Amino acid sequence: MPGIDRRERIRRRAEYQQVYDRGVKVHGRTFTLFRLPNGLDFGRLGIAATRKLGGAVVRNRAKRLVREVFRLNKPQVGVDIVVIPRRELLDTSLVALESEFRHTLERSARRVR
């Protein structure tokens, strides 16, 4: 089972900044999501896990969980997504996290229209 392809990641600071500045921001219970159409035929993911979340082990676990949820629920249209995890994310099951991700993504899509 392949993970997230390299081209499906947001890597540069300028790309993150563009999503923050021009994208739609939606708060969820376990994370904040920014969404911006990217004009490509695939979605891209960026994760901003700050030190406020915890140490390196905690931040890396949060990032792995978010990447897995993205992999299982890849958007059909070209959209850049930046996720900022909260502490609550670490205590949430993968099934609940997946459900919230889909719901939050849907809410952000409605705000764009």
N, C-alpha and C. Protein backbone atom coordinates (compact mmCIF):
# COMPACT_ATOMS: atom_id res chain seq x y z
N MET A 1 0.84 -1.19 0.00
CA MET A 1 0.00 0.00 0.00
C MET A 1 0.88 1.25 0.00
N PRO A 2 0.87 2.00 -1.07
CA PRO A 2 1.74 3.18 -1.13
C PRO A 2 1.25 4.30 -0.22
N GLY A 3 2.17 5.12 0.24
CA GLY A 3 1.84 6.28 1.07
C GLY A 3 1.49 7.48 0.21
N ILE A 4 1.90 8.62 0.67
CA ILE A 4 1.66 9.85 -0.08
C ILE A 4 2.86 10.10 -0.98
N ASP A 5 2.60 10.31 -2.26
CA ASP A 5 3.63 10.58 -3.24
C ASP A 5 4.29 11.93 -2.93
N ARG A 6 5.53 12.09 -3.33
CA ARG A 6 6.29 13.32 -3.08
C ARG A 6 5.59 14.56 -3.66
N ARG A 7 4.98 14.39 -4.83
CA ARG A 7 4.31 15.53 -5.48
C ARG A 7 3.02 15.92 -4.76
N GLU A 8 2.54 15.07 -3.86
CA GLU A 8 1.32 15.34 -3.11
C GLU A 8 1.59 16.05 -1.78
N ARG A 9 2.80 16.57 -1.62
CA ARG A 9 3.16 17.26 -0.39
C ARG A 9 3.43 18.73 -0.67
N ILE A 10 3.02 19.56 0.25
CA ILE A 10 3.39 20.98 0.20
C ILE A 10 4.69 21.07 0.98
N ARG A 11 5.72 21.61 0.34
CA ARG A 11 7.05 21.59 0.94
C ARG A 11 7.63 22.96 1.25
N ARG A 12 7.38 23.93 0.40
CA ARG A 12 8.03 25.24 0.55
C ARG A 12 7.22 26.18 1.44
N ARG A 13 7.96 27.02 2.16
CA ARG A 13 7.33 28.01 3.03
C ARG A 13 6.37 28.91 2.26
N ALA A 14 6.76 29.30 1.05
CA ALA A 14 5.93 30.19 0.23
C ALA A 14 4.60 29.52 -0.12
N GLU A 15 4.62 28.20 -0.34
CA GLU A 15 3.38 27.48 -0.65
C GLU A 15 2.47 27.44 0.57
N TYR A 16 3.05 27.21 1.74
CA TYR A 16 2.26 27.24 2.98
C TYR A 16 1.65 28.63 3.16
N GLN A 17 2.46 29.66 2.96
CA GLN A 17 2.01 31.03 3.17
C GLN A 17 0.87 31.38 2.23
N GLN A 18 0.94 30.91 1.00
CA GLN A 18 -0.12 31.17 0.03
C GLN A 18 -1.44 30.53 0.48
N VAL A 19 -1.37 29.31 1.00
CA VAL A 19 -2.58 28.64 1.50
C VAL A 19 -3.14 29.38 2.71
N TYR A 20 -2.27 29.83 3.61
CA TYR A 20 -2.73 30.59 4.78
C TYR A 20 -3.39 31.90 4.36
N ASP A 21 -2.77 32.62 3.42
CA ASP A 21 -3.24 33.95 3.04
C ASP A 21 -4.51 33.91 2.18
N ARG A 22 -4.57 32.99 1.24
CA ARG A 22 -5.67 32.99 0.27
C ARG A 22 -6.69 31.88 0.48
N GLY A 23 -6.39 30.93 1.35
CA GLY A 23 -7.26 29.77 1.53
C GLY A 23 -8.39 30.01 2.51
N VAL A 24 -9.26 29.01 2.59
CA VAL A 24 -10.39 29.03 3.52
C VAL A 24 -9.96 28.29 4.79
N LYS A 25 -10.23 28.90 5.93
CA LYS A 25 -9.83 28.32 7.23
C LYS A 25 -11.06 27.74 7.92
N VAL A 26 -10.96 26.48 8.35
CA VAL A 26 -12.07 25.83 9.05
C VAL A 26 -11.51 25.15 10.30
N HIS A 27 -12.12 25.44 11.44
CA HIS A 27 -11.70 24.82 12.70
C HIS A 27 -12.46 23.52 12.91
N GLY A 28 -11.74 22.50 13.32
CA GLY A 28 -12.34 21.23 13.72
C GLY A 28 -12.04 21.01 15.19
N ARG A 29 -12.51 19.89 15.73
CA ARG A 29 -12.27 19.59 17.14
C ARG A 29 -10.80 19.23 17.39
N THR A 30 -10.19 18.51 16.43
CA THR A 30 -8.83 18.02 16.64
C THR A 30 -7.78 18.71 15.76
N PHE A 31 -8.20 19.55 14.85
CA PHE A 31 -7.25 20.26 14.00
C PHE A 31 -7.91 21.45 13.33
N THR A 32 -7.07 22.34 12.79
CA THR A 32 -7.54 23.45 11.95
C THR A 32 -7.09 23.13 10.53
N LEU A 33 -7.98 23.35 9.57
CA LEU A 33 -7.70 23.01 8.18
C LEU A 33 -7.79 24.24 7.31
N PHE A 34 -6.80 24.42 6.46
CA PHE A 34 -6.81 25.47 5.44
C PHE A 34 -6.94 24.78 4.09
N ARG A 35 -7.75 25.34 3.20
CA ARG A 35 -7.98 24.73 1.88
C ARG A 35 -7.90 25.80 0.81
N LEU A 36 -7.18 25.48 -0.28
CA LEU A 36 -7.03 26.41 -1.40
C LEU A 36 -6.94 25.62 -2.70
N PRO A 37 -7.80 25.91 -3.70
CA PRO A 37 -7.67 25.22 -4.99
C PRO A 37 -6.29 25.48 -5.59
N ASN A 38 -5.68 24.43 -6.19
CA ASN A 38 -4.31 24.58 -6.69
C ASN A 38 -4.18 24.46 -8.21
N GLY A 39 -5.26 24.16 -8.91
CA GLY A 39 -5.20 24.07 -10.37
C GLY A 39 -4.54 22.81 -10.90
N LEU A 40 -4.15 21.91 -10.03
CA LEU A 40 -3.55 20.63 -10.44
C LEU A 40 -4.65 19.56 -10.48
N ASP A 41 -4.32 18.39 -10.97
CA ASP A 41 -5.32 17.32 -11.00
C ASP A 41 -5.19 16.37 -9.81
N PHE A 42 -4.49 16.81 -8.76
CA PHE A 42 -4.36 16.01 -7.53
C PHE A 42 -4.27 16.95 -6.34
N GLY A 43 -4.59 16.43 -5.17
CA GLY A 43 -4.52 17.22 -3.95
C GLY A 43 -3.14 17.15 -3.33
N ARG A 44 -2.79 18.20 -2.57
CA ARG A 44 -1.51 18.22 -1.86
C ARG A 44 -1.76 18.50 -0.39
N LEU A 45 -0.91 17.94 0.46
CA LEU A 45 -1.06 18.07 1.90
C LEU A 45 0.17 18.73 2.51
N GLY A 46 -0.08 19.62 3.45
CA GLY A 46 0.97 20.20 4.28
C GLY A 46 0.54 20.08 5.73
N ILE A 47 1.48 19.81 6.61
CA ILE A 47 1.16 19.66 8.04
C ILE A 47 2.06 20.61 8.81
N ALA A 48 1.45 21.42 9.67
CA ALA A 48 2.20 22.37 10.49
C ALA A 48 2.03 21.97 11.96
N ALA A 49 2.87 21.04 12.42
CA ALA A 49 2.84 20.59 13.81
C ALA A 49 3.90 21.36 14.58
N THR A 50 3.46 22.34 15.37
CA THR A 50 4.40 23.20 16.08
C THR A 50 4.84 22.58 17.40
N ARG A 51 5.83 23.17 18.03
CA ARG A 51 6.33 22.65 19.31
C ARG A 51 5.31 22.77 20.42
N LYS A 52 4.32 23.63 20.20
CA LYS A 52 3.26 23.78 21.19
C LYS A 52 2.50 22.46 21.37
N LEU A 53 2.52 21.63 20.33
CA LEU A 53 1.84 20.33 20.35
C LEU A 53 2.55 19.36 21.30
N GLY A 54 3.89 19.43 21.33
CA GLY A 54 4.66 18.53 22.19
C GLY A 54 6.05 18.33 21.63
N GLY A 55 6.74 17.30 22.15
CA GLY A 55 8.09 16.99 21.69
C GLY A 55 8.08 16.37 20.30
N ALA A 56 9.26 16.01 19.82
CA ALA A 56 9.40 15.47 18.46
C ALA A 56 8.58 14.19 18.27
N VAL A 57 8.58 13.33 19.26
CA VAL A 57 7.84 12.06 19.14
C VAL A 57 6.35 12.33 18.97
N VAL A 58 5.84 13.24 19.76
CA VAL A 58 4.41 13.59 19.71
C VAL A 58 4.07 14.25 18.37
N ARG A 59 4.90 15.18 17.93
CA ARG A 59 4.65 15.87 16.65
C ARG A 59 4.70 14.89 15.48
N ASN A 60 5.67 13.99 15.50
CA ASN A 60 5.78 13.01 14.42
C ASN A 60 4.59 12.05 14.40
N ARG A 61 4.09 11.67 15.56
CA ARG A 61 2.91 10.80 15.61
C ARG A 61 1.70 11.53 15.02
N ALA A 62 1.53 12.79 15.38
CA ALA A 62 0.41 13.57 14.85
C ALA A 62 0.52 13.67 13.32
N LYS A 63 1.73 13.90 12.82
CA LYS A 63 1.91 14.02 11.37
C LYS A 63 1.62 12.69 10.67
N ARG A 64 2.05 11.59 11.27
CA ARG A 64 1.76 10.27 10.67
C ARG A 64 0.26 10.01 10.60
N LEU A 65 -0.46 10.37 11.67
CA LEU A 65 -1.91 10.18 11.68
C LEU A 65 -2.59 11.03 10.60
N VAL A 66 -2.19 12.28 10.48
CA VAL A 66 -2.79 13.17 9.47
C VAL A 66 -2.48 12.66 8.06
N ARG A 67 -1.24 12.22 7.82
CA ARG A 67 -0.89 11.69 6.49
C ARG A 67 -1.72 10.46 6.16
N GLU A 68 -1.94 9.59 7.14
CA GLU A 68 -2.73 8.38 6.90
C GLU A 68 -4.18 8.74 6.58
N VAL A 69 -4.74 9.68 7.30
CA VAL A 69 -6.12 10.12 7.03
C VAL A 69 -6.21 10.73 5.63
N PHE A 70 -5.22 11.52 5.24
CA PHE A 70 -5.19 12.11 3.90
C PHE A 70 -5.09 11.02 2.84
N ARG A 71 -4.23 10.03 3.08
CA ARG A 71 -4.04 8.93 2.12
C ARG A 71 -5.34 8.16 1.90
N LEU A 72 -6.09 7.94 2.96
CA LEU A 72 -7.35 7.20 2.87
C LEU A 72 -8.48 8.02 2.29
N ASN A 73 -8.37 9.35 2.31
CA ASN A 73 -9.44 10.24 1.86
C ASN A 73 -8.91 11.32 0.93
N LYS A 74 -8.18 10.92 -0.09
CA LYS A 74 -7.59 11.90 -1.01
C LYS A 74 -8.69 12.65 -1.74
N PRO A 75 -8.57 13.98 -1.81
CA PRO A 75 -9.57 14.77 -2.53
C PRO A 75 -9.49 14.48 -4.03
N GLN A 76 -10.65 14.45 -4.68
CA GLN A 76 -10.71 14.15 -6.11
C GLN A 76 -10.25 15.33 -6.96
N VAL A 77 -10.42 16.54 -6.45
CA VAL A 77 -10.05 17.74 -7.21
C VAL A 77 -8.72 18.27 -6.73
N GLY A 78 -8.11 19.15 -7.54
CA GLY A 78 -6.83 19.75 -7.17
C GLY A 78 -7.01 20.78 -6.08
N VAL A 79 -6.55 20.45 -4.88
CA VAL A 79 -6.70 21.36 -3.76
C VAL A 79 -5.49 21.21 -2.83
N ASP A 80 -5.00 22.33 -2.33
CA ASP A 80 -3.94 22.30 -1.32
C ASP A 80 -4.60 22.33 0.05
N ILE A 81 -4.16 21.44 0.93
CA ILE A 81 -4.71 21.35 2.28
C ILE A 81 -3.55 21.46 3.26
N VAL A 82 -3.69 22.38 4.22
CA VAL A 82 -2.72 22.48 5.31
C VAL A 82 -3.47 22.18 6.61
N VAL A 83 -2.95 21.24 7.38
CA VAL A 83 -3.57 20.83 8.63
C VAL A 83 -2.67 21.25 9.79
N ILE A 84 -3.27 21.90 10.79
CA ILE A 84 -2.57 22.26 12.02
C ILE A 84 -3.19 21.42 13.13
N PRO A 85 -2.50 20.36 13.57
CA PRO A 85 -3.08 19.47 14.59
C PRO A 85 -3.14 20.11 15.97
N ARG A 86 -4.13 19.69 16.75
CA ARG A 86 -4.25 20.09 18.16
C ARG A 86 -3.96 18.87 19.03
N ARG A 87 -3.76 19.08 20.31
CA ARG A 87 -3.47 17.98 21.23
C ARG A 87 -4.55 16.89 21.23
N GLU A 88 -5.80 17.30 21.03
CA GLU A 88 -6.91 16.35 21.05
C GLU A 88 -6.75 15.27 19.97
N LEU A 89 -6.02 15.60 18.90
CA LEU A 89 -5.82 14.67 17.80
C LEU A 89 -5.14 13.39 18.28
N LEU A 90 -4.25 13.50 19.23
CA LEU A 90 -3.47 12.36 19.70
C LEU A 90 -4.32 11.35 20.47
N ASP A 91 -5.43 11.79 21.05
CA ASP A 91 -6.29 10.92 21.84
C ASP A 91 -7.50 10.43 21.06
N THR A 92 -7.54 10.71 19.77
CA THR A 92 -8.69 10.37 18.94
C THR A 92 -8.37 9.13 18.10
N SER A 93 -9.37 8.26 17.92
CA SER A 93 -9.17 7.07 17.10
C SER A 93 -9.05 7.46 15.63
N LEU A 94 -8.44 6.59 14.85
CA LEU A 94 -8.25 6.85 13.43
C LEU A 94 -9.60 6.98 12.72
N VAL A 95 -10.56 6.17 13.11
CA VAL A 95 -11.90 6.21 12.49
C VAL A 95 -12.56 7.56 12.75
N ALA A 96 -12.49 8.04 13.99
CA ALA A 96 -13.09 9.34 14.33
C ALA A 96 -12.34 10.47 13.63
N LEU A 97 -11.03 10.34 13.53
CA LEU A 97 -10.21 11.35 12.86
C LEU A 97 -10.55 11.42 11.38
N GLU A 98 -10.73 10.26 10.77
CA GLU A 98 -11.11 10.19 9.35
C GLU A 98 -12.46 10.86 9.11
N SER A 99 -13.40 10.58 9.99
CA SER A 99 -14.73 11.16 9.88
C SER A 99 -14.67 12.68 10.00
N GLU A 100 -13.91 13.17 10.97
CA GLU A 100 -13.79 14.62 11.15
C GLU A 100 -13.09 15.27 9.96
N PHE A 101 -12.07 14.60 9.41
CA PHE A 101 -11.35 15.13 8.25
C PHE A 101 -12.31 15.30 7.07
N ARG A 102 -13.10 14.26 6.79
CA ARG A 102 -14.06 14.34 5.67
C ARG A 102 -15.08 15.44 5.90
N HIS A 103 -15.58 15.53 7.13
CA HIS A 103 -16.59 16.54 7.47
C HIS A 103 -16.02 17.96 7.34
N THR A 104 -14.81 18.16 7.85
CA THR A 104 -14.17 19.48 7.81
C THR A 104 -13.84 19.87 6.37
N LEU A 105 -13.39 18.89 5.58
CA LEU A 105 -13.09 19.15 4.17
C LEU A 105 -14.35 19.55 3.42
N GLU A 106 -15.45 18.89 3.74
CA GLU A 106 -16.74 19.20 3.12
C GLU A 106 -17.19 20.62 3.50
N ARG A 107 -17.04 20.97 4.79
CA ARG A 107 -17.40 22.31 5.25
C ARG A 107 -16.57 23.38 4.54
N SER A 108 -15.27 23.09 4.36
CA SER A 108 -14.41 24.07 3.69
C SER A 108 -14.77 24.21 2.22
N ALA A 109 -15.21 23.14 1.60
CA ALA A 109 -15.62 23.19 0.18
C ALA A 109 -16.87 24.04 0.02
N ARG A 110 -17.78 23.97 0.98
CA ARG A 110 -19.00 24.78 0.92
C ARG A 110 -18.68 26.26 1.07
N ARG A 111 -17.68 26.59 1.86
CA ARG A 111 -17.31 28.00 2.06
C ARG A 111 -16.67 28.61 0.83
N VAL A 112 -16.01 27.77 0.02
CA VAL A 112 -15.35 28.26 -1.19
C VAL A 112 -16.40 28.71 -2.21
N ARG A 113 -17.50 27.98 -2.32
CA ARG A 113 -18.53 28.26 -3.32
C ARG A 113 -19.32 29.48 -3.03
